[in-house]
Amino acid sequence: MSSRAKNTERSFQERKEAYVGLLEAYHQAAIAHTGNQEAAAKNFAYWQLRCEIVGPRAVRDAIKEIVLTNDDRKKRSLAHEELKSSTRRDLTIASN
């Protein structure tokens, strides 16, 4: 039981760290100035990859939609909502 609890906690922490890293990288990419855009994009790609390793399909699909909807504000808004809800479900955080 102790080993299972440790594995569950480790998995939760890895996913939480990946999701927080992705959100921070996403924020940095959004505010990056011309000279920093390439570095911000690479940082986002790094955290995206980490999320793809530890996250379930719903989270991975939501991240993909964020990337694909860069030029469509309505679809981007929907993608944000899906990312929030899928990460809440994965981390079992209340949606209220």
N, C-alpha and C. Protein backbone atom coordinates (compact mmCIF):
# COMPACT_ATOMS: atom_id res chain seq x y z
N MET A 1 0.82 -1.20 0.00
CA MET A 1 0.00 0.00 0.00
C MET A 1 0.86 1.27 0.00
N SER A 2 1.91 1.24 0.78
CA SER A 2 2.77 2.41 0.86
C SER A 2 3.41 2.71 -0.50
N SER A 3 3.85 1.68 -1.19
CA SER A 3 4.46 1.86 -2.50
C SER A 3 3.47 2.41 -3.51
N ARG A 4 2.25 1.91 -3.47
CA ARG A 4 1.21 2.39 -4.38
C ARG A 4 0.89 3.87 -4.12
N ALA A 5 0.81 4.23 -2.86
CA ALA A 5 0.53 5.63 -2.50
C ALA A 5 1.66 6.54 -2.96
N LYS A 6 2.89 6.08 -2.81
CA LYS A 6 4.04 6.88 -3.26
C LYS A 6 4.01 7.05 -4.78
N ASN A 7 3.69 5.98 -5.50
CA ASN A 7 3.61 6.08 -6.96
C ASN A 7 2.50 7.01 -7.41
N THR A 8 1.37 6.94 -6.73
CA THR A 8 0.25 7.83 -7.05
C THR A 8 0.63 9.28 -6.80
N GLU A 9 1.26 9.54 -5.67
CA GLU A 9 1.68 10.91 -5.34
C GLU A 9 2.74 11.40 -6.33
N ARG A 10 3.70 10.55 -6.67
CA ARG A 10 4.73 10.95 -7.63
C ARG A 10 4.12 11.28 -8.99
N SER A 11 3.18 10.45 -9.43
CA SER A 11 2.52 10.69 -10.70
C SER A 11 1.76 12.01 -10.69
N PHE A 12 1.05 12.27 -9.61
CA PHE A 12 0.31 13.54 -9.48
C PHE A 12 1.29 14.71 -9.56
N GLN A 13 2.39 14.65 -8.82
CA GLN A 13 3.35 15.74 -8.80
C GLN A 13 3.98 15.96 -10.18
N GLU A 14 4.29 14.88 -10.89
CA GLU A 14 4.86 15.01 -12.23
C GLU A 14 3.88 15.69 -13.18
N ARG A 15 2.62 15.27 -13.12
CA ARG A 15 1.62 15.88 -14.00
C ARG A 15 1.40 17.34 -13.63
N LYS A 16 1.28 17.62 -12.34
CA LYS A 16 1.08 19.00 -11.90
C LYS A 16 2.25 19.89 -12.34
N GLU A 17 3.46 19.40 -12.16
CA GLU A 17 4.64 20.17 -12.57
C GLU A 17 4.63 20.43 -14.07
N ALA A 18 4.28 19.42 -14.85
CA ALA A 18 4.24 19.58 -16.31
C ALA A 18 3.18 20.60 -16.72
N TYR A 19 2.00 20.54 -16.10
CA TYR A 19 0.92 21.46 -16.46
C TYR A 19 1.24 22.89 -16.06
N VAL A 20 1.80 23.07 -14.88
CA VAL A 20 2.18 24.42 -14.45
C VAL A 20 3.29 24.96 -15.35
N GLY A 21 4.26 24.12 -15.68
CA GLY A 21 5.33 24.54 -16.59
C GLY A 21 4.79 24.94 -17.95
N LEU A 22 3.83 24.16 -18.45
CA LEU A 22 3.22 24.49 -19.74
C LEU A 22 2.51 25.85 -19.68
N LEU A 23 1.75 26.07 -18.62
CA LEU A 23 1.02 27.33 -18.50
C LEU A 23 1.97 28.52 -18.38
N GLU A 24 3.06 28.34 -17.63
CA GLU A 24 4.04 29.42 -17.52
C GLU A 24 4.72 29.69 -18.87
N ALA A 25 5.04 28.62 -19.60
CA ALA A 25 5.66 28.78 -20.92
C ALA A 25 4.68 29.43 -21.89
N TYR A 26 3.43 29.06 -21.81
CA TYR A 26 2.38 29.63 -22.66
C TYR A 26 2.26 31.13 -22.38
N HIS A 27 2.29 31.49 -21.12
CA HIS A 27 2.23 32.90 -20.74
C HIS A 27 3.44 33.66 -21.29
N GLN A 28 4.62 33.08 -21.13
CA GLN A 28 5.84 33.73 -21.63
C GLN A 28 5.80 33.88 -23.16
N ALA A 29 5.28 32.87 -23.84
CA ALA A 29 5.18 32.95 -25.31
C ALA A 29 4.21 34.05 -25.72
N ALA A 30 3.15 34.24 -24.94
CA ALA A 30 2.16 35.26 -25.26
C ALA A 30 2.70 36.67 -25.08
N ILE A 31 3.61 36.85 -24.14
CA ILE A 31 4.12 38.20 -23.88
C ILE A 31 5.52 38.43 -24.43
N ALA A 32 6.07 37.44 -25.09
CA ALA A 32 7.45 37.55 -25.61
C ALA A 32 7.56 38.65 -26.64
N HIS A 33 8.63 39.37 -26.55
CA HIS A 33 8.93 40.40 -27.54
C HIS A 33 9.65 39.73 -28.71
N THR A 34 9.81 40.46 -29.76
CA THR A 34 10.35 39.91 -31.00
C THR A 34 11.63 39.11 -30.78
N GLY A 35 12.56 39.60 -30.02
CA GLY A 35 13.82 38.91 -29.81
C GLY A 35 13.70 37.64 -28.99
N ASN A 36 12.65 37.52 -28.20
CA ASN A 36 12.50 36.37 -27.30
C ASN A 36 11.52 35.34 -27.82
N GLN A 37 10.91 35.56 -28.96
CA GLN A 37 9.87 34.65 -29.44
C GLN A 37 10.38 33.25 -29.70
N GLU A 38 11.55 33.12 -30.27
CA GLU A 38 12.09 31.79 -30.57
C GLU A 38 12.35 31.02 -29.28
N ALA A 39 12.95 31.67 -28.30
CA ALA A 39 13.21 31.01 -27.02
C ALA A 39 11.91 30.64 -26.33
N ALA A 40 10.93 31.52 -26.39
CA ALA A 40 9.63 31.24 -25.76
C ALA A 40 8.94 30.07 -26.44
N ALA A 41 9.04 30.00 -27.76
CA ALA A 41 8.42 28.89 -28.49
C ALA A 41 9.11 27.57 -28.16
N LYS A 42 10.42 27.58 -28.03
CA LYS A 42 11.15 26.37 -27.67
C LYS A 42 10.80 25.93 -26.25
N ASN A 43 10.66 26.88 -25.35
CA ASN A 43 10.28 26.56 -23.97
C ASN A 43 8.88 25.95 -23.93
N PHE A 44 7.96 26.51 -24.70
CA PHE A 44 6.61 25.95 -24.77
C PHE A 44 6.65 24.53 -25.32
N ALA A 45 7.44 24.31 -26.37
CA ALA A 45 7.54 22.98 -26.97
C ALA A 45 8.11 21.97 -25.98
N TYR A 46 9.06 22.40 -25.16
CA TYR A 46 9.61 21.52 -24.12
C TYR A 46 8.52 21.08 -23.15
N TRP A 47 7.75 22.04 -22.65
CA TRP A 47 6.71 21.70 -21.68
C TRP A 47 5.57 20.93 -22.34
N GLN A 48 5.31 21.22 -23.59
CA GLN A 48 4.30 20.45 -24.33
C GLN A 48 4.72 18.98 -24.39
N LEU A 49 5.97 18.74 -24.67
CA LEU A 49 6.49 17.37 -24.74
C LEU A 49 6.38 16.69 -23.38
N ARG A 50 6.71 17.40 -22.32
CA ARG A 50 6.58 16.80 -20.98
C ARG A 50 5.13 16.44 -20.69
N CYS A 51 4.20 17.29 -21.09
CA CYS A 51 2.78 16.99 -20.89
C CYS A 51 2.36 15.79 -21.73
N GLU A 52 2.92 15.65 -22.90
CA GLU A 52 2.59 14.51 -23.74
C GLU A 52 3.09 13.21 -23.13
N ILE A 53 4.15 13.26 -22.36
CA ILE A 53 4.67 12.07 -21.70
C ILE A 53 3.80 11.67 -20.51
N VAL A 54 3.36 12.63 -19.71
CA VAL A 54 2.68 12.29 -18.46
C VAL A 54 1.17 12.48 -18.49
N GLY A 55 0.65 13.20 -19.48
CA GLY A 55 -0.77 13.53 -19.50
C GLY A 55 -1.62 12.55 -20.29
N PRO A 56 -2.89 12.47 -19.94
CA PRO A 56 -3.81 11.61 -20.69
C PRO A 56 -4.16 12.23 -22.04
N ARG A 57 -4.80 11.45 -22.88
CA ARG A 57 -5.14 11.89 -24.24
C ARG A 57 -5.94 13.19 -24.22
N ALA A 58 -6.87 13.35 -23.31
CA ALA A 58 -7.70 14.57 -23.29
C ALA A 58 -6.85 15.82 -23.12
N VAL A 59 -5.86 15.76 -22.26
CA VAL A 59 -4.98 16.91 -22.05
C VAL A 59 -4.10 17.13 -23.28
N ARG A 60 -3.56 16.05 -23.82
CA ARG A 60 -2.72 16.17 -25.02
C ARG A 60 -3.50 16.77 -26.19
N ASP A 61 -4.74 16.33 -26.36
CA ASP A 61 -5.58 16.88 -27.43
C ASP A 61 -5.89 18.36 -27.20
N ALA A 62 -6.13 18.73 -25.95
CA ALA A 62 -6.43 20.13 -25.64
C ALA A 62 -5.22 21.02 -25.93
N ILE A 63 -4.03 20.53 -25.60
CA ILE A 63 -2.81 21.29 -25.90
C ILE A 63 -2.64 21.44 -27.40
N LYS A 64 -2.91 20.38 -28.12
CA LYS A 64 -2.81 20.43 -29.59
C LYS A 64 -3.76 21.50 -30.15
N GLU A 65 -4.96 21.58 -29.59
CA GLU A 65 -5.93 22.59 -30.05
C GLU A 65 -5.44 24.00 -29.75
N ILE A 66 -4.76 24.20 -28.63
CA ILE A 66 -4.18 25.51 -28.33
C ILE A 66 -3.22 25.90 -29.44
N VAL A 67 -2.38 24.97 -29.84
CA VAL A 67 -1.38 25.24 -30.88
C VAL A 67 -2.05 25.51 -32.23
N LEU A 68 -3.07 24.74 -32.56
CA LEU A 68 -3.71 24.84 -33.88
C LEU A 68 -4.63 26.05 -34.02
N THR A 69 -5.06 26.64 -32.92
CA THR A 69 -6.04 27.73 -33.00
C THR A 69 -5.43 29.10 -32.78
N ASN A 70 -4.18 29.25 -33.09
CA ASN A 70 -3.48 30.51 -32.84
C ASN A 70 -4.15 31.71 -33.51
N ASP A 71 -4.74 31.52 -34.68
CA ASP A 71 -5.29 32.65 -35.43
C ASP A 71 -6.81 32.77 -35.34
N ASP A 72 -7.46 31.96 -34.54
CA ASP A 72 -8.92 31.97 -34.43
C ASP A 72 -9.31 32.15 -32.97
N ARG A 73 -9.69 33.38 -32.61
CA ARG A 73 -9.94 33.72 -31.21
C ARG A 73 -11.09 32.91 -30.60
N LYS A 74 -12.14 32.66 -31.37
CA LYS A 74 -13.27 31.89 -30.84
C LYS A 74 -12.86 30.45 -30.54
N LYS A 75 -12.17 29.83 -31.50
CA LYS A 75 -11.71 28.45 -31.29
C LYS A 75 -10.65 28.40 -30.19
N ARG A 76 -9.83 29.43 -30.10
CA ARG A 76 -8.80 29.48 -29.05
C ARG A 76 -9.46 29.54 -27.68
N SER A 77 -10.52 30.32 -27.56
CA SER A 77 -11.24 30.40 -26.29
C SER A 77 -11.80 29.04 -25.90
N LEU A 78 -12.37 28.33 -26.86
CA LEU A 78 -12.88 26.98 -26.59
C LEU A 78 -11.74 26.03 -26.20
N ALA A 79 -10.61 26.18 -26.85
CA ALA A 79 -9.45 25.35 -26.53
C ALA A 79 -8.95 25.62 -25.11
N HIS A 80 -8.99 26.88 -24.70
CA HIS A 80 -8.61 27.21 -23.32
C HIS A 80 -9.53 26.50 -22.33
N GLU A 81 -10.81 26.57 -22.59
CA GLU A 81 -11.78 25.92 -21.69
C GLU A 81 -11.55 24.41 -21.63
N GLU A 82 -11.27 23.81 -22.77
CA GLU A 82 -11.03 22.36 -22.79
C GLU A 82 -9.73 22.02 -22.05
N LEU A 83 -8.71 22.84 -22.20
CA LEU A 83 -7.46 22.59 -21.48
C LEU A 83 -7.69 22.69 -19.97
N LYS A 84 -8.42 23.70 -19.55
CA LYS A 84 -8.69 23.84 -18.12
C LYS A 84 -9.48 22.66 -17.58
N SER A 85 -10.53 22.28 -18.28
CA SER A 85 -11.37 21.19 -17.77
C SER A 85 -10.64 19.84 -17.82
N SER A 86 -9.86 19.59 -18.85
CA SER A 86 -9.15 18.31 -18.93
C SER A 86 -8.06 18.20 -17.87
N THR A 87 -7.37 19.31 -17.58
CA THR A 87 -6.36 19.24 -16.53
C THR A 87 -7.01 19.12 -15.15
N ARG A 88 -8.14 19.79 -14.95
CA ARG A 88 -8.86 19.62 -13.68
C ARG A 88 -9.27 18.16 -13.49
N ARG A 89 -9.83 17.56 -14.54
CA ARG A 89 -10.22 16.15 -14.44
C ARG A 89 -9.02 15.27 -14.13
N ASP A 90 -7.92 15.51 -14.83
CA ASP A 90 -6.75 14.67 -14.63
C ASP A 90 -6.19 14.80 -13.22
N LEU A 91 -6.18 16.01 -12.70
CA LEU A 91 -5.64 16.23 -11.36
C LEU A 91 -6.71 16.06 -10.28
N THR A 92 -7.91 15.71 -10.69
CA THR A 92 -9.08 15.57 -9.80
C THR A 92 -9.28 16.79 -8.91
N ILE A 93 -9.27 17.93 -9.58
CA ILE A 93 -9.52 19.21 -8.93
C ILE A 93 -10.98 19.57 -9.20
N ALA A 94 -11.66 20.03 -8.17
CA ALA A 94 -13.09 20.38 -8.32
C ALA A 94 -13.25 21.41 -9.41
N SER A 95 -14.32 21.28 -10.18
CA SER A 95 -14.57 22.22 -11.29
C SER A 95 -15.50 23.35 -10.88
N ASN A 96 -15.85 23.46 -9.64
CA ASN A 96 -16.74 24.54 -9.17
C ASN A 96 -15.97 25.81 -8.94
